N, C-alpha and C. Protein backbone atom coordinates (compact mmCIF):
# COMPACT_ATOMS: atom_id res chain seq x y z
N UNK A 1 -22.57 24.09 4.28
CA UNK A 1 -22.41 22.91 3.60
C UNK A 1 -21.00 23.21 2.95
N UNK A 2 -20.04 21.76 2.31
CA UNK A 2 -18.72 21.90 1.87
C UNK A 2 -19.34 21.50 0.70
N UNK A 3 -17.91 22.46 0.08
CA UNK A 3 -18.04 22.89 -1.28
C UNK A 3 -17.07 21.40 -1.92
N UNK A 4 -16.39 20.40 -0.72
CA UNK A 4 -16.02 19.43 -1.22
C UNK A 4 -16.83 17.89 -0.86
N UNK A 5 -16.95 17.10 -1.92
CA UNK A 5 -17.65 15.64 -1.99
C UNK A 5 -17.35 14.91 -1.15
N UNK A 6 -16.35 14.86 -0.85
CA UNK A 6 -15.01 13.95 0.08
C UNK A 6 -14.53 14.77 1.21
N UNK A 7 -14.49 13.81 2.26
CA UNK A 7 -13.78 14.27 3.45
C UNK A 7 -12.21 13.92 3.27
N UNK A 8 -11.79 15.10 3.37
CA UNK A 8 -10.19 14.88 3.59
C UNK A 8 -9.29 13.93 4.06
N UNK A 9 -8.51 13.19 3.50
CA UNK A 9 -7.59 12.53 3.94
C UNK A 9 -6.31 12.68 3.64
N UNK A 10 -5.53 12.97 5.03
CA UNK A 10 -4.08 13.55 5.10
C UNK A 10 -3.08 12.38 4.30
N UNK A 11 -2.30 12.47 3.59
CA UNK A 11 -1.13 11.32 3.11
C UNK A 11 -0.09 11.15 4.63
N UNK A 12 0.30 10.25 4.09
CA UNK A 12 1.18 9.49 5.25
C UNK A 12 2.76 9.21 4.67
N UNK A 13 3.56 9.41 5.48
CA UNK A 13 5.13 9.61 4.95
C UNK A 13 5.29 7.81 4.26
N UNK A 14 6.34 7.46 3.88
CA UNK A 14 6.95 6.01 3.75
C UNK A 14 6.54 5.57 4.84
N UNK A 15 7.32 5.81 6.26
CA UNK A 15 7.69 5.21 7.39
C UNK A 15 6.08 5.23 7.80
N UNK A 16 5.08 6.21 8.41
CA UNK A 16 3.85 6.11 8.92
C UNK A 16 2.88 4.80 7.49
N UNK A 17 3.02 4.99 6.49
CA UNK A 17 2.20 3.77 5.88
C UNK A 17 3.08 2.23 5.84
N UNK A 18 3.94 2.25 5.71
CA UNK A 18 5.18 0.88 5.84
C UNK A 18 4.81 0.64 7.42
N UNK A 19 4.26 1.31 8.36
CA UNK A 19 4.01 0.52 9.68
C UNK A 19 2.68 0.48 9.41
N UNK A 20 1.91 1.05 8.61
CA UNK A 20 0.45 0.22 8.95
C UNK A 20 0.11 -1.01 8.20
N UNK A 21 0.99 -0.64 7.43
CA UNK A 21 1.02 -2.45 6.39
C UNK A 21 1.89 -3.72 6.61
N UNK A 22 2.57 -3.01 8.01
CA UNK A 22 4.14 -3.74 8.58
C UNK A 22 4.94 -4.57 7.29
N UNK A 23 5.08 -3.46 6.52
CA UNK A 23 6.40 -3.75 5.64
C UNK A 23 7.47 -2.73 6.03
N UNK A 24 8.59 -2.90 5.32
CA UNK A 24 9.69 -1.64 5.74
C UNK A 24 9.46 -0.65 4.50
N UNK A 25 9.80 0.57 4.96
CA UNK A 25 9.24 1.47 4.37
C UNK A 25 10.17 1.39 2.87
N UNK A 26 11.34 0.69 2.39
CA UNK A 26 12.07 0.63 1.50
C UNK A 26 11.07 -0.07 0.40
N UNK A 27 10.63 -1.45 1.41
CA UNK A 27 9.53 -2.48 0.49
C UNK A 27 8.38 -1.65 -0.08
N UNK A 28 7.75 -0.95 0.95
CA UNK A 28 6.40 -0.02 0.43
C UNK A 28 6.83 0.84 -0.77
N UNK A 29 7.82 1.33 -1.16
CA UNK A 29 8.69 2.26 -2.04
C UNK A 29 8.54 1.45 -3.10
N UNK A 30 9.36 0.29 -2.72
CA UNK A 30 9.75 -0.75 -4.28
C UNK A 30 8.15 -1.06 -4.81
N UNK A 31 7.40 -1.20 -4.02
CA UNK A 31 6.04 -1.68 -4.40
C UNK A 31 5.46 -0.80 -4.90
N UNK A 32 5.53 0.85 -4.91
CA UNK A 32 5.11 1.78 -5.53
C UNK A 32 5.65 2.28 -6.70
N UNK A 33 6.77 1.94 -6.84
CA UNK A 33 7.62 1.81 -8.02
C UNK A 33 7.09 1.00 -9.16
N UNK A 34 6.62 -0.35 -8.70
CA UNK A 34 6.56 -1.26 -9.37
C UNK A 34 4.90 -1.68 -9.73
N UNK A 35 4.09 -0.21 -9.07
CA UNK A 35 2.82 -0.27 -9.41
C UNK A 35 1.86 -1.28 -8.34
N UNK A 36 2.52 -1.71 -7.22
CA UNK A 36 1.68 -3.09 -6.76
C UNK A 36 0.80 -2.23 -5.44
N UNK A 37 1.28 -0.89 -5.40
CA UNK A 37 0.61 0.00 -4.47
C UNK A 37 0.28 1.37 -5.30
N UNK A 38 -0.68 2.06 -4.71
CA UNK A 38 -0.66 3.42 -5.14
C UNK A 38 0.39 4.33 -4.32
N UNK A 39 0.78 5.00 -4.50
CA UNK A 39 2.12 5.83 -4.08
C UNK A 39 2.08 7.15 -4.87
N UNK A 40 2.61 8.34 -4.34
CA UNK A 40 2.91 9.85 -4.65
C UNK A 40 3.94 10.33 -4.36
N UNK A 41 4.90 10.33 -5.50
CA UNK A 41 6.06 11.38 -5.40
C UNK A 41 6.01 12.42 -5.41
N UNK A 42 6.57 13.16 -4.06
CA UNK A 42 6.66 14.64 -3.96
C UNK A 42 8.13 15.00 -4.18
N UNK A 43 8.84 15.40 -5.03
CA UNK A 43 10.09 15.59 -4.95
C UNK A 43 10.92 14.28 -5.08
N UNK A 44 11.59 13.99 -4.05
CA UNK A 44 12.08 12.83 -3.76
C UNK A 44 11.89 11.78 -2.56
N UNK A 45 10.51 12.50 -2.24
CA UNK A 45 9.85 11.19 -1.06
C UNK A 45 8.42 10.79 -1.62
N UNK A 46 7.99 9.81 -0.79
CA UNK A 46 6.69 9.14 -1.67
C UNK A 46 5.75 9.43 -0.54
N UNK A 47 4.61 9.86 -0.69
CA UNK A 47 3.18 9.65 -0.15
C UNK A 47 2.28 8.66 -0.22
N UNK A 48 1.70 8.34 0.68
CA UNK A 48 0.40 7.45 0.27
C UNK A 48 -0.87 7.86 1.46
N UNK A 49 -1.77 7.00 0.75
CA UNK A 49 -3.20 7.12 1.36
C UNK A 49 -3.46 5.68 2.06
N UNK A 50 -3.78 6.04 3.37
CA UNK A 50 -3.90 4.71 4.15
C UNK A 50 -4.95 4.04 3.30
N UNK A 51 -6.00 4.50 2.73
CA UNK A 51 -7.43 3.45 1.85
C UNK A 51 -6.52 3.27 0.35
N UNK A 52 -5.08 3.51 0.43
CA UNK A 52 -5.03 3.09 -1.07
C UNK A 52 -3.97 1.60 -1.04
N UNK A 53 -3.64 1.58 0.38
CA UNK A 53 -2.81 0.59 0.97
C UNK A 53 -3.51 -0.70 1.53
N UNK A 54 -4.63 -0.36 2.27
CA UNK A 54 -5.44 -1.55 2.95
C UNK A 54 -5.74 -3.12 2.17
N UNK A 55 -6.42 -2.80 0.82
CA UNK A 55 -7.24 -3.54 0.24
C UNK A 55 -5.85 -4.10 -0.86
N UNK A 56 -5.29 -3.70 -1.46
CA UNK A 56 -4.13 -4.19 -2.43
C UNK A 56 -3.58 -5.09 -1.81
N UNK A 57 -2.48 -4.81 -0.39
CA UNK A 57 -2.10 -5.77 0.06
C UNK A 57 -2.61 -6.97 0.61
N UNK A 58 -3.78 -6.44 1.00
CA UNK A 58 -4.49 -7.98 1.64
C UNK A 58 -4.86 -8.84 0.57
N UNK A 59 -5.37 -8.46 -0.57
CA UNK A 59 -5.43 -9.21 -1.71
C UNK A 59 -4.29 -9.97 -2.17
N UNK A 60 -3.41 -9.14 -2.15
CA UNK A 60 -2.01 -10.18 -2.58
C UNK A 60 -1.48 -10.87 -1.56
N UNK A 61 -1.37 -11.00 -0.18
CA UNK A 61 -1.58 -11.68 0.60
C UNK A 61 -2.27 -13.19 0.62
N UNK A 62 -3.44 -12.92 0.11
CA UNK A 62 -4.46 -14.04 0.17
C UNK A 62 -4.20 -15.05 -1.34
N UNK A 63 -3.75 -14.20 -2.66
CA UNK A 63 -3.00 -14.66 -3.90
C UNK A 63 -1.74 -15.53 -3.33
N UNK A 64 -1.37 -15.02 -2.45
CA UNK A 64 0.04 -15.88 -2.42
C UNK A 64 0.02 -16.90 -1.53
N UNK A 65 -0.98 -16.67 -0.58
CA UNK A 65 -1.58 -17.74 0.24
C UNK A 65 -1.76 -19.03 -0.48
N UNK A 66 -3.02 -18.84 -1.45
CA UNK A 66 -3.20 -19.72 -2.07
C UNK A 66 -2.28 -20.20 -2.90
N UNK A 67 -0.85 -19.71 -3.72
CA UNK A 67 -0.34 -20.50 -4.17
C UNK A 67 0.77 -20.94 -3.53
N UNK A 68 0.98 -20.90 -2.47
CA UNK A 68 2.12 -21.29 -1.49
C UNK A 68 1.12 -22.87 -0.67
N UNK A 69 -0.45 -22.90 -0.90
CA UNK A 69 -1.08 -23.85 -0.82
C UNK A 69 -1.00 -24.94 -2.04
N UNK A 70 -0.81 -24.57 -3.45
CA UNK A 70 -0.66 -25.43 -4.04
C UNK A 70 0.36 -25.74 -4.23
N UNK A 71 1.68 -25.03 -3.99
CA UNK A 71 2.81 -25.75 -4.02
C UNK A 71 2.98 -26.43 -3.15
N UNK A 72 2.80 -26.63 -1.74
CA UNK A 72 2.65 -27.69 -0.84
C UNK A 72 1.92 -28.90 -1.36
N UNK A 73 0.71 -28.86 -1.97
CA UNK A 73 0.35 -29.85 -2.42
C UNK A 73 1.05 -30.96 -3.51
N UNK A 74 2.25 -30.24 -4.21
CA UNK A 74 2.35 -31.29 -5.39
C UNK A 74 3.81 -32.13 -4.69
């Protein structure tokens, strides 16, 4: 039996995480600084969890698409 209630999820560096969500690493870091995605600073480096990235960016894409559709209708 494990002492940990959850399975261990490794951290991704900026390049790995950016590849996962198909943005440039600097863009992902900017999103983290702005609070749009959850990121962790370790010294000068950013680290991310894949589970923290997938939903916020998908929800944002949906919102942006809805806004684009509204702008085109005018």
